[in-house]
Amino acid sequence: SGTLQPNEEAQVSFEVAGRVVELNRNEGDQVKQGEIIGRIDSSDYSLQLAKANTSVEQTGANLQKVNNGAREQERIQAKALQDKA
């Protein structure tokens, strides 16, 4: 009687931190390189991506506004602010 030891042992980890929501393998299961063995909750990253996309869109709109020149109302407001100073 005795205890069997594995030929190889590997440490596994996710590329990003998060809560594990799915685990497809158990300790001792054989896996192939590149095989997905689990998933983490991506909601935080999805929100960050949406926020970043919104920021990119706003920046693009601001750039387009600058490239198109100021509207008459904006010029009047800028002149009024300049006159106040």
N, C-alpha and C. Protein backbone atom coordinates (compact mmCIF):
# COMPACT_ATOMS: atom_id res chain seq x y z
N SER A 1 0.84 -1.17 0.00
CA SER A 1 0.00 0.00 0.00
C SER A 1 0.88 1.23 0.00
N GLY A 2 0.43 2.28 -0.69
CA GLY A 2 1.23 3.51 -0.78
C GLY A 2 0.43 4.63 -1.42
N THR A 3 1.10 5.75 -1.61
CA THR A 3 0.46 6.92 -2.20
C THR A 3 1.09 7.20 -3.55
N LEU A 4 0.27 7.38 -4.56
CA LEU A 4 0.77 7.71 -5.89
C LEU A 4 1.04 9.21 -5.98
N GLN A 5 2.12 9.56 -6.62
CA GLN A 5 2.48 10.96 -6.85
C GLN A 5 2.44 11.23 -8.35
N PRO A 6 1.99 12.40 -8.75
CA PRO A 6 1.94 12.71 -10.19
C PRO A 6 3.33 12.89 -10.76
N ASN A 7 3.47 12.64 -12.07
CA ASN A 7 4.75 12.87 -12.74
C ASN A 7 5.07 14.35 -12.78
N GLU A 8 4.06 15.16 -13.02
CA GLU A 8 4.24 16.61 -13.10
C GLU A 8 3.14 17.29 -12.30
N GLU A 9 3.46 18.44 -11.79
CA GLU A 9 2.48 19.26 -11.10
C GLU A 9 2.61 20.67 -11.61
N ALA A 10 1.50 21.32 -11.87
CA ALA A 10 1.54 22.67 -12.43
C ALA A 10 0.68 23.61 -11.60
N GLN A 11 1.17 24.83 -11.46
CA GLN A 11 0.39 25.88 -10.82
C GLN A 11 -0.40 26.58 -11.92
N VAL A 12 -1.67 26.80 -11.69
CA VAL A 12 -2.49 27.50 -12.68
C VAL A 12 -3.07 28.75 -12.05
N SER A 13 -3.29 29.76 -12.90
CA SER A 13 -3.89 31.00 -12.41
C SER A 13 -4.54 31.71 -13.59
N PHE A 14 -5.42 32.64 -13.26
CA PHE A 14 -6.07 33.45 -14.29
C PHE A 14 -5.19 34.66 -14.58
N GLU A 15 -5.36 35.24 -15.76
CA GLU A 15 -4.58 36.42 -16.14
C GLU A 15 -5.04 37.66 -15.39
N VAL A 16 -6.30 37.67 -14.93
CA VAL A 16 -6.85 38.79 -14.18
C VAL A 16 -7.56 38.26 -12.93
N ALA A 17 -7.72 39.14 -11.96
CA ALA A 17 -8.39 38.75 -10.73
C ALA A 17 -9.90 38.77 -10.92
N GLY A 18 -10.60 37.97 -10.14
CA GLY A 18 -12.06 37.96 -10.20
C GLY A 18 -12.63 36.74 -9.52
N ARG A 19 -13.95 36.69 -9.45
CA ARG A 19 -14.66 35.59 -8.81
C ARG A 19 -14.82 34.46 -9.83
N VAL A 20 -14.46 33.24 -9.45
CA VAL A 20 -14.60 32.09 -10.33
C VAL A 20 -16.09 31.74 -10.42
N VAL A 21 -16.61 31.70 -11.66
CA VAL A 21 -18.02 31.38 -11.86
C VAL A 21 -18.22 30.02 -12.54
N GLU A 22 -17.15 29.47 -13.06
CA GLU A 22 -17.24 28.17 -13.72
C GLU A 22 -15.90 27.46 -13.60
N LEU A 23 -15.94 26.19 -13.21
CA LEU A 23 -14.73 25.39 -13.11
C LEU A 23 -15.01 24.08 -13.82
N ASN A 24 -14.30 23.82 -14.92
CA ASN A 24 -14.59 22.68 -15.77
C ASN A 24 -13.78 21.43 -15.45
N ARG A 25 -12.83 21.54 -14.59
CA ARG A 25 -11.97 20.40 -14.25
C ARG A 25 -11.82 20.28 -12.74
N ASN A 26 -11.46 19.10 -12.31
CA ASN A 26 -11.21 18.84 -10.89
C ASN A 26 -9.73 18.56 -10.68
N GLU A 27 -9.31 18.68 -9.46
CA GLU A 27 -7.91 18.38 -9.12
C GLU A 27 -7.62 16.95 -9.55
N GLY A 28 -6.52 16.77 -10.25
CA GLY A 28 -6.12 15.45 -10.70
C GLY A 28 -6.51 15.16 -12.14
N ASP A 29 -7.43 15.95 -12.72
CA ASP A 29 -7.82 15.74 -14.11
C ASP A 29 -6.67 16.09 -15.04
N GLN A 30 -6.57 15.37 -16.14
CA GLN A 30 -5.58 15.71 -17.16
C GLN A 30 -6.15 16.80 -18.05
N VAL A 31 -5.31 17.75 -18.40
CA VAL A 31 -5.72 18.84 -19.28
C VAL A 31 -4.66 19.02 -20.36
N LYS A 32 -5.09 19.62 -21.47
CA LYS A 32 -4.16 19.90 -22.55
C LYS A 32 -3.79 21.37 -22.50
N GLN A 33 -2.63 21.70 -23.03
CA GLN A 33 -2.18 23.09 -23.07
C GLN A 33 -3.19 23.93 -23.85
N GLY A 34 -3.55 25.08 -23.28
CA GLY A 34 -4.48 25.99 -23.92
C GLY A 34 -5.94 25.68 -23.64
N GLU A 35 -6.23 24.57 -22.98
CA GLU A 35 -7.60 24.20 -22.68
C GLU A 35 -8.17 25.12 -21.60
N ILE A 36 -9.40 25.55 -21.78
CA ILE A 36 -10.05 26.40 -20.79
C ILE A 36 -10.54 25.53 -19.65
N ILE A 37 -10.05 25.82 -18.45
CA ILE A 37 -10.43 25.00 -17.30
C ILE A 37 -11.36 25.74 -16.35
N GLY A 38 -11.55 27.04 -16.56
CA GLY A 38 -12.45 27.79 -15.70
C GLY A 38 -12.70 29.17 -16.27
N ARG A 39 -13.70 29.84 -15.71
CA ARG A 39 -14.05 31.20 -16.13
C ARG A 39 -14.28 32.05 -14.90
N ILE A 40 -13.94 33.33 -15.04
CA ILE A 40 -14.21 34.28 -13.96
C ILE A 40 -15.34 35.21 -14.37
N ASP A 41 -15.96 35.85 -13.40
CA ASP A 41 -17.04 36.80 -13.65
C ASP A 41 -16.46 38.00 -14.40
N SER A 42 -16.99 38.27 -15.58
CA SER A 42 -16.44 39.34 -16.42
C SER A 42 -17.24 40.64 -16.32
N SER A 43 -18.22 40.73 -15.43
CA SER A 43 -19.07 41.92 -15.39
C SER A 43 -18.28 43.18 -15.09
N ASP A 44 -17.32 43.12 -14.16
CA ASP A 44 -16.51 44.31 -13.86
C ASP A 44 -15.73 44.77 -15.09
N TYR A 45 -15.18 43.83 -15.83
CA TYR A 45 -14.40 44.17 -17.01
C TYR A 45 -15.29 44.67 -18.14
N SER A 46 -16.49 44.13 -18.23
CA SER A 46 -17.44 44.60 -19.24
C SER A 46 -17.82 46.05 -18.98
N LEU A 47 -18.03 46.40 -17.70
CA LEU A 47 -18.37 47.78 -17.34
C LEU A 47 -17.20 48.72 -17.64
N GLN A 48 -15.99 48.28 -17.33
CA GLN A 48 -14.81 49.10 -17.62
C GLN A 48 -14.66 49.31 -19.12
N LEU A 49 -14.93 48.29 -19.90
CA LEU A 49 -14.83 48.40 -21.36
C LEU A 49 -15.89 49.37 -21.88
N ALA A 50 -17.10 49.27 -21.37
CA ALA A 50 -18.16 50.19 -21.81
C ALA A 50 -17.81 51.63 -21.46
N LYS A 51 -17.25 51.84 -20.28
CA LYS A 51 -16.85 53.19 -19.86
C LYS A 51 -15.74 53.72 -20.77
N ALA A 52 -14.78 52.87 -21.08
CA ALA A 52 -13.68 53.28 -21.96
C ALA A 52 -14.20 53.61 -23.36
N ASN A 53 -15.12 52.79 -23.87
CA ASN A 53 -15.69 53.05 -25.20
C ASN A 53 -16.46 54.37 -25.22
N THR A 54 -17.19 54.66 -24.15
CA THR A 54 -17.91 55.93 -24.06
C THR A 54 -16.94 57.10 -24.06
N SER A 55 -15.85 56.95 -23.33
CA SER A 55 -14.84 58.00 -23.28
C SER A 55 -14.23 58.24 -24.66
N VAL A 56 -13.97 57.17 -25.38
CA VAL A 56 -13.41 57.29 -26.74
C VAL A 56 -14.40 58.02 -27.65
N GLU A 57 -15.68 57.66 -27.54
CA GLU A 57 -16.70 58.31 -28.37
C GLU A 57 -16.81 59.80 -28.04
N GLN A 58 -16.78 60.15 -26.75
CA GLN A 58 -16.86 61.55 -26.35
C GLN A 58 -15.65 62.33 -26.85
N THR A 59 -14.48 61.73 -26.74
CA THR A 59 -13.27 62.39 -27.21
C THR A 59 -13.33 62.61 -28.71
N GLY A 60 -13.83 61.62 -29.44
CA GLY A 60 -13.98 61.76 -30.88
C GLY A 60 -14.95 62.87 -31.25
N ALA A 61 -16.05 62.96 -30.49
CA ALA A 61 -17.03 64.03 -30.74
C ALA A 61 -16.42 65.39 -30.46
N ASN A 62 -15.64 65.48 -29.38
CA ASN A 62 -14.96 66.75 -29.06
C ASN A 62 -13.96 67.13 -30.15
N LEU A 63 -13.24 66.15 -30.65
CA LEU A 63 -12.27 66.40 -31.71
C LEU A 63 -12.98 66.89 -32.98
N GLN A 64 -14.08 66.24 -33.30
CA GLN A 64 -14.84 66.65 -34.48
C GLN A 64 -15.35 68.07 -34.31
N LYS A 65 -15.80 68.40 -33.11
CA LYS A 65 -16.30 69.74 -32.83
C LYS A 65 -15.18 70.78 -33.03
N VAL A 66 -13.99 70.47 -32.54
CA VAL A 66 -12.85 71.38 -32.70
C VAL A 66 -12.49 71.51 -34.17
N ASN A 67 -12.47 70.38 -34.87
CA ASN A 67 -12.12 70.41 -36.29
C ASN A 67 -13.15 71.17 -37.13
N ASN A 68 -14.41 71.13 -36.70
CA ASN A 68 -15.46 71.83 -37.44
C ASN A 68 -15.55 73.30 -37.09
N GLY A 69 -14.86 73.72 -36.05
CA GLY A 69 -14.91 75.12 -35.64
C GLY A 69 -16.03 75.36 -34.64
N ALA A 70 -15.94 76.46 -33.97
CA ALA A 70 -16.93 76.82 -32.95
C ALA A 70 -18.21 77.33 -33.60
N ARG A 71 -19.33 77.04 -32.95
CA ARG A 71 -20.62 77.57 -33.40
C ARG A 71 -20.72 79.03 -32.99
N GLU A 72 -21.63 79.75 -33.61
CA GLU A 72 -21.83 81.17 -33.32
C GLU A 72 -22.13 81.38 -31.84
N GLN A 73 -22.99 80.55 -31.27
CA GLN A 73 -23.34 80.69 -29.86
C GLN A 73 -22.10 80.53 -28.97
N GLU A 74 -21.24 79.60 -29.30
CA GLU A 74 -20.03 79.39 -28.52
C GLU A 74 -19.09 80.59 -28.63
N ARG A 75 -19.03 81.19 -29.82
CA ARG A 75 -18.19 82.37 -30.00
C ARG A 75 -18.74 83.54 -29.17
N ILE A 76 -20.07 83.69 -29.13
CA ILE A 76 -20.69 84.76 -28.33
C ILE A 76 -20.41 84.55 -26.86
N GLN A 77 -20.54 83.28 -26.40
CA GLN A 77 -20.27 82.98 -24.99
C GLN A 77 -18.81 83.24 -24.64
N ALA A 78 -17.91 82.87 -25.52
CA ALA A 78 -16.49 83.09 -25.28
C ALA A 78 -16.19 84.57 -25.24
N LYS A 79 -16.82 85.33 -26.13
CA LYS A 79 -16.61 86.80 -26.15
C LYS A 79 -17.14 87.41 -24.87
N ALA A 80 -18.31 86.93 -24.39
CA ALA A 80 -18.89 87.46 -23.14
C ALA A 80 -17.98 87.16 -21.95
N LEU A 81 -17.41 85.96 -21.92
CA LEU A 81 -16.48 85.60 -20.84
C LEU A 81 -15.22 86.46 -20.91
N GLN A 82 -14.77 86.71 -22.13
CA GLN A 82 -13.58 87.54 -22.30
C GLN A 82 -13.86 88.98 -21.85
N ASP A 83 -15.04 89.50 -22.18
CA ASP A 83 -15.40 90.84 -21.80
C ASP A 83 -15.52 91.00 -20.29
N LYS A 84 -15.97 89.95 -19.61
CA LYS A 84 -16.10 89.97 -18.14
C LYS A 84 -14.74 90.04 -17.45
N ALA A 85 -13.75 89.45 -18.06
CA ALA A 85 -12.44 89.32 -17.43
C ALA A 85 -11.70 90.63 -17.35
